[in-house]
């Protein structure tokens, strides 16, 4: 199918883009287009206007200042994947992005587009949640910042207004003795994940868990942090018993099901991915019990 008719706009600055969105009705923002264009072609989206923000240079780039990372919303997924500076501070981004589609789609897709599309199985929203990140947006009412914990309002519904655009994502990384890993299961490489898991660990001088963050993707409409299990893991050795504690965080979850995957199967896969990611993160941090 071909897309429906729409008026095309290509602003050259953030100010131009927000002015357009303020006056246009039924407009969609075009970032990388890897989600929007198929939705247009299949008539899932029927906008009267498409606002293409690809010609706004200030929306792209990766900035690292100490432990603070800023990624422009229009930064291509492939650029994030290939950034050696980011890999040195947060290697899980490169690892997770290799599960996202294929090189061709990552070369066009953006981090902001993934966050604003908010597919339940998407890896990048999961990473932003894993790092307790913040999404910065701008619209006619000015700029505002939205914590990752508040980003997902419902199925494919992020907390951004129809007249706003995402400008950047910020988060902090950990220093010291740390490790991180991402695991995902899909029926074929590049397919949407049935379930995936990301883990960050920081160990103290005695080799016990000082800090831990764990996130699941594909199990709910937005990424899920296992906060109670994270709290229970602090002070423990990162061993098999700790993995059992981590997996216990799945017990109370009400997991998505679909025509191909039951909730029980998806929860089982999520537990397997979580255990694998936890073990590799611990090994990366230099744990002797992993």
Protein backbone atom coordinates (compact mmCIF):
# COMPACT_ATOMS: atom_id res chain seq x y z
CA UNK A 1 0.00 0.00 0.00
CA UNK A 2 0.97 3.63 -0.42
CA UNK A 3 0.70 6.28 2.24
CA UNK A 4 -2.30 8.61 2.37
CA UNK A 5 -1.94 12.16 1.09
CA UNK A 6 -0.42 14.68 3.48
CA UNK A 7 1.31 18.05 3.41
CA UNK A 8 5.07 17.78 3.90
CA UNK A 9 7.05 20.29 6.01
CA UNK A 10 10.83 20.42 6.53
CA UNK A 11 11.79 22.92 9.24
CA UNK A 12 15.43 23.96 9.58
CA UNK A 13 15.45 24.70 13.32
CA UNK A 14 13.79 23.63 16.55
CA UNK A 15 11.98 26.96 16.70
CA UNK A 16 10.57 26.44 13.20
CA UNK A 17 9.47 22.89 14.07
CA UNK A 18 7.67 23.90 17.25
CA UNK A 19 5.99 26.81 15.46
CA UNK A 20 4.69 24.43 12.80
CA UNK A 21 3.40 21.94 15.35
CA UNK A 22 1.68 24.75 17.26
CA UNK A 23 -0.43 25.78 14.28
CA UNK A 24 -0.93 22.52 12.37
CA UNK A 25 -3.71 20.10 13.23
CA UNK A 26 -3.29 16.33 12.95
CA UNK A 27 0.47 16.46 12.36
CA UNK A 28 3.06 13.71 12.79
CA UNK A 29 6.77 14.22 13.36
CA UNK A 30 9.11 12.33 11.03
CA UNK A 31 12.42 11.32 12.60
CA UNK A 32 14.11 8.23 11.13
CA UNK A 33 10.86 7.02 9.61
CA UNK A 34 11.47 3.34 10.39
CA UNK A 35 8.20 3.14 12.33
CA UNK A 36 6.16 6.01 10.91
CA UNK A 37 6.50 5.15 7.22
CA UNK A 38 5.20 1.56 7.57
CA UNK A 39 2.35 2.90 9.70
CA UNK A 40 1.50 5.41 6.97
CA UNK A 41 1.67 2.76 4.25
CA UNK A 42 -0.62 0.45 6.19
CA UNK A 43 -2.96 3.34 7.08
CA UNK A 44 -2.43 2.90 10.81
CA UNK A 45 -1.50 6.59 10.88
CA UNK A 46 -3.51 9.15 8.88
CA UNK A 47 -1.93 12.57 9.42
CA UNK A 48 -2.79 15.67 7.44
CA UNK A 49 0.76 16.98 7.92
CA UNK A 50 4.18 15.37 8.29
CA UNK A 51 6.89 17.51 9.90
CA UNK A 52 10.35 16.21 8.93
CA UNK A 53 12.96 17.17 11.57
CA UNK A 54 15.93 15.53 9.82
CA UNK A 55 17.41 18.93 8.81
CA UNK A 56 17.82 20.21 12.37
CA UNK A 57 21.50 19.65 13.28
CA UNK A 58 21.25 20.61 16.97
CA UNK A 59 19.10 17.53 17.62
CA UNK A 60 21.95 15.09 16.88
CA UNK A 61 25.14 14.10 18.66
CA UNK A 62 26.57 12.42 21.75
CA UNK A 63 28.12 14.49 24.54
CA UNK A 64 29.98 12.99 27.51
CA UNK A 65 30.80 15.20 30.49
CA UNK A 66 32.16 13.16 33.37
CA UNK A 67 29.49 10.63 34.29
CA UNK A 68 26.78 12.56 32.43
CA UNK A 69 25.75 11.40 28.93
CA UNK A 70 23.59 13.44 26.57
CA UNK A 71 22.32 11.94 23.31
CA UNK A 72 20.44 14.12 20.85
CA UNK A 73 17.03 12.72 19.99
CA UNK A 74 17.84 12.63 16.26
CA UNK A 75 21.08 10.69 16.74
CA UNK A 76 21.01 7.65 14.47
CA UNK A 77 20.99 4.29 16.17
CA UNK A 78 23.98 3.25 14.08
CA UNK A 79 25.97 6.25 15.33
CA UNK A 80 25.16 5.30 18.92
CA UNK A 81 26.17 1.71 18.21
CA UNK A 82 29.50 2.74 16.69
CA UNK A 83 30.46 5.38 19.28
CA UNK A 84 33.64 4.22 20.99
CA UNK A 85 33.35 6.98 23.59
CA UNK A 86 29.88 5.80 24.60
CA UNK A 87 30.99 2.17 24.49
CA UNK A 88 33.72 2.95 27.03
CA UNK A 89 31.16 4.32 29.50
CA UNK A 90 28.01 2.33 28.65
CA UNK A 91 28.85 -0.72 26.50
CA UNK A 92 25.34 -2.10 26.89
CA UNK A 93 24.10 0.36 24.24
CA UNK A 94 26.20 -1.26 21.52
CA UNK A 95 25.22 -4.72 22.72
CA UNK A 96 21.50 -3.97 22.77
CA UNK A 97 21.48 -2.10 19.46
CA UNK A 98 22.81 -5.12 17.62
CA UNK A 99 19.40 -6.69 18.30
CA UNK A 100 17.57 -3.75 16.68
CA UNK A 101 16.43 -4.55 13.16
CA UNK A 102 19.34 -4.58 10.71
CA UNK A 103 22.15 -2.20 9.78
CA UNK A 104 19.95 -0.54 7.17
CA UNK A 105 17.20 0.30 9.66
CA UNK A 106 19.66 1.36 12.38
CA UNK A 107 21.33 3.69 9.89
CA UNK A 108 18.09 5.69 9.63
CA UNK A 109 16.34 4.98 12.92
CA UNK A 110 16.89 7.41 15.80
CA UNK A 111 16.86 7.08 19.57
CA UNK A 112 14.15 9.72 19.86
CA UNK A 113 12.01 8.01 17.26
CA UNK A 114 12.22 4.72 19.15
CA UNK A 115 11.26 6.42 22.42
CA UNK A 116 8.34 8.28 20.85
CA UNK A 117 7.05 5.19 19.03
CA UNK A 118 7.39 3.16 22.26
CA UNK A 119 6.91 -0.34 20.94
CA UNK A 120 6.69 -2.72 23.93
CA UNK A 121 9.63 -4.78 22.62
CA UNK A 122 11.88 -1.81 21.81
CA UNK A 123 15.36 -1.96 23.26
CA UNK A 124 16.23 1.75 23.51
CA UNK A 125 13.32 2.76 25.79
CA UNK A 126 14.42 -0.15 27.99
CA UNK A 127 17.97 1.18 28.20
CA UNK A 128 16.80 4.69 29.03
CA UNK A 129 14.69 3.21 31.84
CA UNK A 130 17.63 1.05 32.97
CA UNK A 131 19.80 4.17 33.35
CA UNK A 132 17.05 6.21 35.07
CA UNK A 133 17.29 8.58 32.13
CA UNK A 134 15.40 11.75 31.33
CA UNK A 135 13.76 12.66 28.02
CA UNK A 136 13.83 16.37 27.19
CA UNK A 137 11.04 17.72 24.99
CA UNK A 138 10.04 21.12 23.65
CA UNK A 139 6.76 22.53 22.39
CA UNK A 140 4.75 25.75 22.27
CA UNK A 141 4.69 25.80 26.07
CA UNK A 142 8.46 25.66 26.30
CA UNK A 143 10.88 22.96 27.41
CA UNK A 144 10.22 20.23 29.93
CA UNK A 145 11.95 17.10 31.18
CA UNK A 146 10.24 13.75 31.64
CA UNK A 147 11.77 11.00 33.77
CA UNK A 148 11.98 7.60 32.10
CA UNK A 149 9.78 6.16 34.85
CA UNK A 150 6.99 8.51 33.71
CA UNK A 151 7.53 8.18 29.96
CA UNK A 152 5.19 5.29 29.16
CA UNK A 153 1.52 6.16 29.62
CA UNK A 154 0.07 3.14 27.81
CA UNK A 155 0.40 0.98 24.73
CA UNK A 156 2.60 2.93 22.26
CA UNK A 157 1.67 6.10 24.15
CA UNK A 158 4.60 8.14 25.49
CA UNK A 159 4.22 11.18 27.72
CA UNK A 160 4.90 13.66 24.93
CA UNK A 161 2.32 16.01 23.50
CA UNK A 162 1.25 15.96 19.85
CA UNK A 163 2.73 19.46 19.50
CA UNK A 164 6.07 18.61 21.14
CA UNK A 165 9.30 17.08 19.87
CA UNK A 166 11.94 15.18 21.81
CA UNK A 167 15.26 17.03 21.81
CA UNK A 168 17.65 14.92 23.91
CA UNK A 169 18.05 12.08 26.36
CA UNK A 170 20.31 12.42 29.40
CA UNK A 171 21.49 9.85 31.94
CA UNK A 172 24.35 9.12 34.32
CA UNK A 173 26.74 6.17 34.20
CA UNK A 174 28.37 4.39 37.12
CA UNK A 175 32.09 4.30 37.82
CA UNK A 176 34.24 1.81 39.67
CA UNK A 177 33.88 -1.94 39.54
CA UNK A 178 30.89 -2.34 37.28
CA UNK A 179 29.45 -4.54 34.57
CA UNK A 180 26.43 -4.56 32.30
CA UNK A 181 24.81 -6.89 29.79
CA UNK A 182 21.77 -7.19 27.57
CA UNK A 183 20.07 -10.39 26.42
CA UNK A 184 17.12 -10.82 24.08
CA UNK A 185 15.21 -13.63 22.45
CA UNK A 186 13.45 -13.28 19.10
CA UNK A 187 12.43 -15.98 16.65
CA UNK A 188 14.78 -14.52 14.02
CA UNK A 189 17.49 -11.91 14.24
CA UNK A 190 15.93 -8.50 13.70
CA UNK A 191 12.42 -9.59 14.66
CA UNK A 192 10.61 -7.96 17.55
CA UNK A 193 11.77 -9.48 20.82
CA UNK A 194 9.57 -11.92 22.68
CA UNK A 195 11.40 -10.70 25.78
CA UNK A 196 14.68 -9.04 26.63
CA UNK A 197 16.57 -8.05 29.76
CA UNK A 198 19.25 -5.55 30.66
CA UNK A 199 21.33 -5.59 33.86
CA UNK A 200 23.79 -3.15 35.41
CA UNK A 201 25.86 -4.11 38.43
CA UNK A 202 28.32 -2.25 40.62
CA UNK A 203 30.35 -4.28 43.10
CA UNK A 204 32.01 -3.06 46.30
CA UNK A 205 35.60 -3.82 47.29
CA UNK A 206 34.49 -7.13 48.80
CA UNK A 207 32.84 -8.27 45.60
CA UNK A 208 29.28 -7.80 46.83
CA UNK A 209 26.53 -5.91 45.02
CA UNK A 210 26.64 -2.21 45.85
CA UNK A 211 24.13 -1.15 43.18
CA UNK A 212 22.04 -3.00 40.64
CA UNK A 213 19.51 -2.05 37.99
CA UNK A 214 17.44 -4.57 36.00
CA UNK A 215 14.96 -3.92 33.22
CA UNK A 216 12.69 -6.11 31.08
CA UNK A 217 11.35 -5.30 27.61
CA UNK A 218 8.57 -7.05 25.74
CA UNK A 219 6.65 -8.08 28.85
CA UNK A 220 4.48 -4.99 29.27
CA UNK A 221 3.45 -1.89 27.32
CA UNK A 222 6.53 -0.07 28.64
CA UNK A 223 9.89 -1.25 30.05
CA UNK A 224 9.66 -2.77 33.52
CA UNK A 225 12.23 -2.19 36.27
CA UNK A 226 12.45 -4.88 38.95
CA UNK A 227 12.83 -2.40 41.80
CA UNK A 228 11.98 -4.67 44.74
CA UNK A 229 14.41 -7.33 43.56
CA UNK A 230 17.07 -4.66 43.05
CA UNK A 231 16.71 -3.57 46.67
CA UNK A 232 16.86 -7.17 47.90
CA UNK A 233 20.09 -7.81 45.97
CA UNK A 234 22.18 -5.04 47.56
CA UNK A 235 24.87 -6.52 49.79
CA UNK A 236 24.63 -10.00 48.29
CA UNK A 237 27.30 -11.88 46.41
CA UNK A 238 26.46 -11.99 42.67
CA UNK A 239 26.05 -15.77 42.62
CA UNK A 240 23.37 -18.29 41.70
CA UNK A 241 21.34 -17.39 44.77
CA UNK A 242 21.36 -13.76 43.69
CA UNK A 243 20.10 -14.75 40.25
CA UNK A 244 17.19 -16.55 41.92
CA UNK A 245 16.39 -13.36 43.83
CA UNK A 246 16.55 -11.38 40.59
CA UNK A 247 14.17 -13.78 38.84
CA UNK A 248 11.74 -13.61 41.76
CA UNK A 249 11.05 -10.06 40.63
CA UNK A 250 9.05 -11.51 37.74
CA UNK A 251 6.60 -13.36 39.98
CA UNK A 252 4.08 -10.54 40.50
CA UNK A 253 4.20 -9.28 36.90
CA UNK A 254 1.13 -9.37 34.69
CA UNK A 255 2.82 -10.21 31.39
CA UNK A 256 1.57 -9.53 27.86
CA UNK A 257 0.31 -12.36 25.68
CA UNK A 258 -0.47 -12.53 21.96
CA UNK A 259 -1.50 -15.03 19.30
CA UNK A 260 2.00 -16.56 19.18
CA UNK A 261 3.18 -16.30 22.79
CA UNK A 262 1.28 -16.98 25.98
CA UNK A 263 1.95 -14.87 29.06
CA UNK A 264 3.51 -17.87 30.80
CA UNK A 265 5.89 -18.51 27.92
CA UNK A 266 6.90 -14.84 27.67
CA UNK A 267 7.52 -14.68 31.43
CA UNK A 268 9.66 -17.82 31.24
CA UNK A 269 11.73 -16.36 28.39
CA UNK A 270 12.12 -13.10 30.31
CA UNK A 271 13.46 -15.02 33.29
CA UNK A 272 15.97 -16.88 31.15
CA UNK A 273 17.17 -13.64 29.54
CA UNK A 274 17.43 -11.95 32.93
CA UNK A 275 19.54 -14.78 34.36
CA UNK A 276 21.88 -14.69 31.37
CA UNK A 277 22.26 -10.91 31.50
CA UNK A 278 22.83 -10.94 35.27
CA UNK A 279 25.52 -13.60 34.99
CA UNK A 280 27.38 -11.80 32.20
CA UNK A 281 27.12 -8.43 33.94
CA UNK A 282 28.62 -9.97 37.08
CA UNK A 283 31.42 -11.54 35.08
CA UNK A 284 32.09 -8.21 33.38
CA UNK A 285 32.38 -6.58 36.82
CA UNK A 286 34.95 -9.20 37.81
CA UNK A 287 32.78 -11.25 40.13
CA UNK A 288 34.17 -14.64 41.15
CA UNK A 289 30.77 -16.21 41.89
CA UNK A 290 29.05 -15.59 38.55
